Amino acid sequence: QVQLVESGGGLVQPGGSLRLSCAASGSIFSTYRMGWHRQAPGKQRELVARITSGGSIYYADSVKGRFTISRDNAKNTMYLQMNSLKPEDTAAYYCNLWNDVVDYWGKGTLVTVSS
């Protein structure tokens, strides 16, 4: 069983930055695909960014050029650097780790972008 714990959320002004972290238990972290999803109030959960075990990266159009996903396999940790934050980025952000057999989720961390 893999456990995921997100951290780094909070309140930030428009234009500001935050870095989210997702710490994973388990010794085979490097073999999984990983991603960040978000869910704003009243909206469906959406994929923000994902990174494969080989380092291939995908970003949603809404965050391209502003967000950067990365992973440190030695630390079993994934990151999401969020710059130039906008009010529409306000959401609960969830860490996801999966392969063809399993699908793990964290409990989320709240990001609020407001002046």
C-alpha atoms as a PDB file:
ATOM      1  CA  GLN A   1       0.000   0.000   0.000  1.00  0.00           C
ATOM      2  CA  VAL A   2       1.293   3.427  -0.948  1.00  0.00           C
ATOM      3  CA  GLN A   3       0.398   6.525   1.044  1.00  0.00           C
ATOM      4  CA  LEU A   4       0.603   9.999  -0.443  1.00  0.00           C
ATOM      5  CA  VAL A   5       0.793  13.185   1.619  1.00  0.00           C
ATOM      6  CA  GLU A   6       0.520  16.590  -0.018  1.00  0.00           C
ATOM      7  CA  SER A   7       1.828  19.810   1.509  1.00  0.00           C
ATOM      8  CA  GLY A   8       2.588  23.383   0.527  1.00  0.00           C
ATOM      9  CA  GLY A   9      -0.863  24.771  -0.087  1.00  0.00           C
ATOM     10  CA  GLY A  10      -2.056  28.063   1.324  1.00  0.00           C
ATOM     11  CA  LEU A  11      -3.265  31.561   0.597  1.00  0.00           C
ATOM     12  CA  VAL A  12      -1.346  33.575  -1.979  1.00  0.00           C
ATOM     13  CA  GLN A  13      -1.991  36.815  -3.832  1.00  0.00           C
ATOM     14  CA  PRO A  14      -2.503  36.851  -7.603  1.00  0.00           C
ATOM     15  CA  GLY A  15       0.863  36.726  -9.336  1.00  0.00           C
ATOM     16  CA  GLY A  16       2.450  34.896  -6.449  1.00  0.00           C
ATOM     17  CA  SER A  17       4.045  31.463  -6.241  1.00  0.00           C
ATOM     18  CA  LEU A  18       3.661  28.264  -4.275  1.00  0.00           C
ATOM     19  CA  ARG A  19       5.413  24.918  -4.370  1.00  0.00           C
ATOM     20  CA  LEU A  20       3.391  21.814  -3.610  1.00  0.00           C
ATOM     21  CA  SER A  21       5.036  18.608  -2.480  1.00  0.00           C
ATOM     22  CA  CYS A  22       3.763  15.039  -2.526  1.00  0.00           C
ATOM     23  CA  ALA A  23       5.623  12.586  -0.335  1.00  0.00           C
ATOM     24  CA  ALA A  24       5.060   8.905  -1.052  1.00  0.00           C
ATOM     25  CA  SER A  25       5.712   5.870   1.072  1.00  0.00           C
ATOM     26  CA  GLY A  26       6.996   2.696  -0.531  1.00  0.00           C
ATOM     27  CA  SER A  27      10.174   1.610  -2.218  1.00  0.00           C
ATOM     28  CA  ILE A  28       9.047   1.509  -5.858  1.00  0.00           C
ATOM     29  CA  PHE A  29       8.137   5.148  -6.276  1.00  0.00           C
ATOM     30  CA  SER A  30      10.276   5.491  -9.384  1.00  0.00           C
ATOM     31  CA  THR A  31       8.251   2.958 -11.388  1.00  0.00           C
ATOM     32  CA  TYR A  32       4.935   4.818 -11.162  1.00  0.00           C
ATOM     33  CA  ARG A  33       3.436   7.551 -13.242  1.00  0.00           C
ATOM     34  CA  MET A  34       2.556  10.558 -11.115  1.00  0.00           C
ATOM     35  CA  GLY A  35       0.373  13.573 -11.493  1.00  0.00           C
ATOM     36  CA  TRP A  36      -1.316  16.564  -9.917  1.00  0.00           C
ATOM     37  CA  HIS A  37      -5.053  17.096 -10.240  1.00  0.00           C
ATOM     38  CA  ARG A  38      -7.206  19.886  -8.884  1.00  0.00           C
ATOM     39  CA  GLN A  39     -10.843  20.419  -8.070  1.00  0.00           C
ATOM     40  CA  ALA A  40     -12.368  23.838  -7.681  1.00  0.00           C
ATOM     41  CA  PRO A  41     -15.670  24.301  -5.809  1.00  0.00           C
ATOM     42  CA  GLY A  42     -18.558  23.201  -7.969  1.00  0.00           C
ATOM     43  CA  LYS A  43     -16.308  21.853 -10.710  1.00  0.00           C
ATOM     44  CA  GLN A  44     -15.034  18.458 -11.780  1.00  0.00           C
ATOM     45  CA  ARG A  45     -11.565  17.283 -10.874  1.00  0.00           C
ATOM     46  CA  GLU A  46      -9.108  18.006 -13.660  1.00  0.00           C
ATOM     47  CA  LEU A  47      -5.598  16.897 -14.510  1.00  0.00           C
ATOM     48  CA  VAL A  48      -3.064  19.696 -14.084  1.00  0.00           C
ATOM     49  CA  ALA A  49       0.188  17.917 -14.902  1.00  0.00           C
ATOM     50  CA  ARG A  50       1.667  14.455 -14.994  1.00  0.00           C
ATOM     51  CA  ILE A  51       5.126  12.926 -15.215  1.00  0.00           C
ATOM     52  CA  THR A  52       6.051   9.392 -16.174  1.00  0.00           C
ATOM     53  CA  SER A  53       8.765   7.246 -14.646  1.00  0.00           C
ATOM     54  CA  GLY A  54      10.893   8.128 -17.660  1.00  0.00           C
ATOM     55  CA  GLY A  55      10.386  11.844 -17.167  1.00  0.00           C
ATOM     56  CA  SER A  56       7.866  12.578 -19.927  1.00  0.00           C
ATOM     57  CA  ILE A  57       5.684  15.502 -18.905  1.00  0.00           C
ATOM     58  CA  TYR A  58       2.212  16.742 -19.781  1.00  0.00           C
ATOM     59  CA  TYR A  59       0.593  20.036 -18.742  1.00  0.00           C
ATOM     60  CA  ALA A  60      -2.957  21.225 -19.068  1.00  0.00           C
ATOM     61  CA  ASP A  61      -3.185  24.221 -21.380  1.00  0.00           C
ATOM     62  CA  SER A  62      -4.397  26.383 -18.512  1.00  0.00           C
ATOM     63  CA  VAL A  63      -1.112  26.018 -16.604  1.00  0.00           C
ATOM     64  CA  LYS A  64       1.484  25.749 -19.393  1.00  0.00           C
ATOM     65  CA  GLY A  65       4.327  28.173 -18.880  1.00  0.00           C
ATOM     66  CA  ARG A  66       3.346  28.824 -15.254  1.00  0.00           C
ATOM     67  CA  PHE A  67       3.527  25.442 -13.501  1.00  0.00           C
ATOM     68  CA  THR A  68       6.414  22.978 -13.400  1.00  0.00           C
ATOM     69  CA  ILE A  69       6.100  19.366 -12.304  1.00  0.00           C
ATOM     70  CA  SER A  70       9.133  17.424 -11.129  1.00  0.00           C
ATOM     71  CA  ARG A  71       9.997  14.341  -9.139  1.00  0.00           C
ATOM     72  CA  ASP A  72      12.880  13.286  -6.932  1.00  0.00           C
ATOM     73  CA  ASN A  73      12.910   9.500  -6.921  1.00  0.00           C
ATOM     74  CA  ALA A  74      15.616   9.383  -4.253  1.00  0.00           C
ATOM     75  CA  LYS A  75      13.310  11.284  -1.884  1.00  0.00           C
ATOM     76  CA  ASN A  76      10.070   9.614  -3.058  1.00  0.00           C
ATOM     77  CA  THR A  77       8.683  13.092  -3.606  1.00  0.00           C
ATOM     78  CA  MET A  78       6.933  14.904  -6.429  1.00  0.00           C
ATOM     79  CA  TYR A  79       6.652  18.668  -6.710  1.00  0.00           C
ATOM     80  CA  LEU A  80       4.505  21.232  -8.440  1.00  0.00           C
ATOM     81  CA  GLN A  81       6.047  24.677  -8.715  1.00  0.00           C
ATOM     82  CA  MET A  82       3.255  27.155  -9.383  1.00  0.00           C
ATOM     83  CA  ASN A  83       4.147  30.652 -10.552  1.00  0.00           C
ATOM     84  CA  SER A  84       2.058  33.599 -11.742  1.00  0.00           C
ATOM     85  CA  LEU A  85      -0.913  32.240  -9.867  1.00  0.00           C
ATOM     86  CA  LYS A  86      -4.379  33.397 -10.843  1.00  0.00           C
ATOM     87  CA  PRO A  87      -7.651  33.403  -8.892  1.00  0.00           C
ATOM     88  CA  GLU A  88      -8.888  30.645 -11.204  1.00  0.00           C
ATOM     89  CA  ASP A  89      -6.101  28.396  -9.879  1.00  0.00           C
ATOM     90  CA  THR A  90      -7.934  28.270  -6.557  1.00  0.00           C
ATOM     91  CA  ALA A  91      -8.715  24.628  -5.853  1.00  0.00           C
ATOM     92  CA  ALA A  92      -7.887  21.590  -3.800  1.00  0.00           C
ATOM     93  CA  TYR A  93      -4.810  19.973  -5.350  1.00  0.00           C
ATOM     94  CA  TYR A  94      -4.430  16.215  -5.249  1.00  0.00           C
ATOM     95  CA  CYS A  95      -1.403  14.012  -5.801  1.00  0.00           C
ATOM     96  CA  ASN A  96      -1.956  10.845  -7.855  1.00  0.00           C
ATOM     97  CA  LEU A  97       0.348   7.867  -8.365  1.00  0.00           C
ATOM     98  CA  TRP A  98      -0.587   4.995 -10.634  1.00  0.00           C
ATOM     99  CA  ASN A  99       0.390   2.191 -12.943  1.00  0.00           C
ATOM    100  CA  ASP A 100      -1.626  -0.359 -14.923  1.00  0.00           C
ATOM    101  CA  VAL A 101      -2.703  -2.130 -11.749  1.00  0.00           C
ATOM    102  CA  VAL A 102      -3.073   0.406  -8.936  1.00  0.00           C
ATOM    103  CA  ASP A 103      -4.184   3.996  -8.503  1.00  0.00           C
ATOM    104  CA  TYR A 104      -3.341   5.958  -5.348  1.00  0.00           C
ATOM    105  CA  TRP A 105      -4.528   9.414  -4.250  1.00  0.00           C
ATOM    106  CA  GLY A 106      -3.584  11.822  -1.535  1.00  0.00           C
ATOM    107  CA  LYS A 107      -6.105  13.716   0.569  1.00  0.00           C
ATOM    108  CA  GLY A 108      -5.328  17.042  -1.057  1.00  0.00           C
ATOM    109  CA  THR A 109      -3.978  20.445  -0.154  1.00  0.00           C
ATOM    110  CA  LEU A 110      -5.924  23.672  -0.594  1.00  0.00           C
ATOM    111  CA  VAL A 111      -4.601  26.517  -2.720  1.00  0.00           C
ATOM    112  CA  THR A 112      -6.375  29.861  -2.530  1.00  0.00           C
ATOM    113  CA  VAL A 113      -5.366  32.707  -4.818  1.00  0.00           C
ATOM    114  CA  SER A 114      -6.925  35.932  -3.644  1.00  0.00           C
ATOM    115  CA  SER A 115      -6.061  39.516  -2.859  1.00  0.00           C
END
